[in-house]
Amino acid sequence: MKIEFLEAAQAELDDAFEWYEAQQKHLGVQFINEFEAAIKRISTYPESYVLIGNEVRRCLIKRFPYGILYGIDAVRLL
């Protein structure tokens, strides 16, 4: 399964990593690890997450107040 990130999503991910690292050493790394685990869950079970709009789903990231919005057509992350 091909996964594409929008530029805005990548920028937000980078900003969140930097913010968490500034709060506590290695917290940004933990955030990225949870993000990557969520991406794996989406890749494995793309239709199992909440449909929140027209063909847009949301997978929540464990331990952090973030969700990944995506569509199944190409699993394009918003």
C-alpha atoms as a PDB file:
ATOM      1  CA  MET A   1       0.000   0.000   0.000  1.00  0.00           C
ATOM      2  CA  LYS A   2       1.381   3.381  -1.020  1.00  0.00           C
ATOM      3  CA  ILE A   3       1.139   6.133   1.586  1.00  0.00           C
ATOM      4  CA  GLU A   4       1.446   9.797   0.640  1.00  0.00           C
ATOM      5  CA  PHE A   5       1.792  12.735   3.024  1.00  0.00           C
ATOM      6  CA  LEU A   6       0.598  16.206   2.171  1.00  0.00           C
ATOM      7  CA  GLU A   7       3.234  18.894   2.710  1.00  0.00           C
ATOM      8  CA  ALA A   8       1.094  20.503   5.413  1.00  0.00           C
ATOM      9  CA  ALA A   9       0.833  17.179   7.272  1.00  0.00           C
ATOM     10  CA  GLN A  10       4.611  16.685   7.143  1.00  0.00           C
ATOM     11  CA  ALA A  11       5.178  20.234   8.412  1.00  0.00           C
ATOM     12  CA  GLU A  12       2.755  19.671  11.296  1.00  0.00           C
ATOM     13  CA  LEU A  13       4.466  16.382  12.166  1.00  0.00           C
ATOM     14  CA  ASP A  14       7.882  18.083  12.169  1.00  0.00           C
ATOM     15  CA  ASP A  15       6.573  20.925  14.363  1.00  0.00           C
ATOM     16  CA  ALA A  16       5.007  18.490  16.830  1.00  0.00           C
ATOM     17  CA  PHE A  17       8.249  16.507  17.052  1.00  0.00           C
ATOM     18  CA  GLU A  18      10.243  19.663  17.791  1.00  0.00           C
ATOM     19  CA  TRP A  19       7.715  20.865  20.373  1.00  0.00           C
ATOM     20  CA  TYR A  20       7.704  17.542  22.252  1.00  0.00           C
ATOM     21  CA  GLU A  21      11.512  17.375  22.186  1.00  0.00           C
ATOM     22  CA  ALA A  22      11.646  20.892  23.665  1.00  0.00           C
ATOM     23  CA  GLN A  23       9.312  19.804  26.475  1.00  0.00           C
ATOM     24  CA  GLN A  24      11.292  16.715  27.435  1.00  0.00           C
ATOM     25  CA  LYS A  25      14.283  14.946  25.930  1.00  0.00           C
ATOM     26  CA  HIS A  26      13.228  11.928  23.819  1.00  0.00           C
ATOM     27  CA  LEU A  27       9.521  12.789  24.065  1.00  0.00           C
ATOM     28  CA  GLY A  28       9.588  13.792  20.402  1.00  0.00           C
ATOM     29  CA  VAL A  29      11.067  10.391  19.546  1.00  0.00           C
ATOM     30  CA  GLN A  30       8.282   8.707  21.513  1.00  0.00           C
ATOM     31  CA  PHE A  31       5.745  10.783  19.594  1.00  0.00           C
ATOM     32  CA  ILE A  32       7.241   9.725  16.238  1.00  0.00           C
ATOM     33  CA  ASN A  33       7.256   6.084  17.366  1.00  0.00           C
ATOM     34  CA  GLU A  34       3.541   6.271  18.221  1.00  0.00           C
ATOM     35  CA  PHE A  35       2.875   8.037  14.913  1.00  0.00           C
ATOM     36  CA  GLU A  36       4.666   5.295  12.972  1.00  0.00           C
ATOM     37  CA  ALA A  37       2.738   2.616  14.895  1.00  0.00           C
ATOM     38  CA  ALA A  38      -0.517   4.355  13.902  1.00  0.00           C
ATOM     39  CA  ILE A  39       0.591   4.407  10.247  1.00  0.00           C
ATOM     40  CA  LYS A  40       1.236   0.651  10.444  1.00  0.00           C
ATOM     41  CA  ARG A  41      -2.242   0.121  11.918  1.00  0.00           C
ATOM     42  CA  ILE A  42      -3.777   2.181   9.111  1.00  0.00           C
ATOM     43  CA  SER A  43      -1.832   0.205   6.493  1.00  0.00           C
ATOM     44  CA  THR A  44      -2.948  -3.099   8.001  1.00  0.00           C
ATOM     45  CA  TYR A  45      -6.583  -2.179   8.734  1.00  0.00           C
ATOM     46  CA  PRO A  46      -7.409   0.895   6.625  1.00  0.00           C
ATOM     47  CA  GLU A  47     -11.192   0.539   6.925  1.00  0.00           C
ATOM     48  CA  SER A  48     -11.283  -0.020  10.676  1.00  0.00           C
ATOM     49  CA  TYR A  49     -11.106   3.620  11.770  1.00  0.00           C
ATOM     50  CA  VAL A  50     -13.880   6.131  12.275  1.00  0.00           C
ATOM     51  CA  LEU A  51     -15.365   7.691   9.171  1.00  0.00           C
ATOM     52  CA  ILE A  52     -15.578  11.416   9.991  1.00  0.00           C
ATOM     53  CA  GLY A  53     -16.567  12.815   6.614  1.00  0.00           C
ATOM     54  CA  ASN A  54     -16.877  11.998   2.961  1.00  0.00           C
ATOM     55  CA  GLU A  55     -14.383   9.153   2.682  1.00  0.00           C
ATOM     56  CA  VAL A  56     -12.132  10.679   5.358  1.00  0.00           C
ATOM     57  CA  ARG A  57     -11.177   8.549   8.347  1.00  0.00           C
ATOM     58  CA  ARG A  58      -9.352   9.315  11.585  1.00  0.00           C
ATOM     59  CA  CYS A  59      -6.886   7.173  13.508  1.00  0.00           C
ATOM     60  CA  LEU A  60      -5.951   8.533  16.928  1.00  0.00           C
ATOM     61  CA  ILE A  61      -2.323   8.404  18.011  1.00  0.00           C
ATOM     62  CA  LYS A  62      -1.844   6.672  21.361  1.00  0.00           C
ATOM     63  CA  ARG A  63      -0.571   8.798  24.295  1.00  0.00           C
ATOM     64  CA  PHE A  64      -0.677  12.055  22.305  1.00  0.00           C
ATOM     65  CA  PRO A  65      -3.546  14.398  21.376  1.00  0.00           C
ATOM     66  CA  TYR A  66      -3.197  13.875  17.633  1.00  0.00           C
ATOM     67  CA  GLY A  67      -5.144  12.042  14.985  1.00  0.00           C
ATOM     68  CA  ILE A  68      -4.222  11.039  11.472  1.00  0.00           C
ATOM     69  CA  LEU A  69      -6.803  11.953   8.842  1.00  0.00           C
ATOM     70  CA  TYR A  70      -6.699   9.848   5.713  1.00  0.00           C
ATOM     71  CA  GLY A  71      -8.592   8.640   2.703  1.00  0.00           C
ATOM     72  CA  ILE A  72      -8.454   5.064   1.476  1.00  0.00           C
ATOM     73  CA  ASP A  73      -8.196   5.789  -2.256  1.00  0.00           C
ATOM     74  CA  ALA A  74      -4.422   6.106  -1.905  1.00  0.00           C
ATOM     75  CA  VAL A  75      -4.341   6.400   1.881  1.00  0.00           C
ATOM     76  CA  ARG A  76      -3.433  10.032   1.402  1.00  0.00           C
ATOM     77  CA  LEU A  77      -2.739  11.588   4.793  1.00  0.00           C
ATOM     78  CA  LEU A  78      -4.291  14.988   5.268  1.00  0.00           C
END
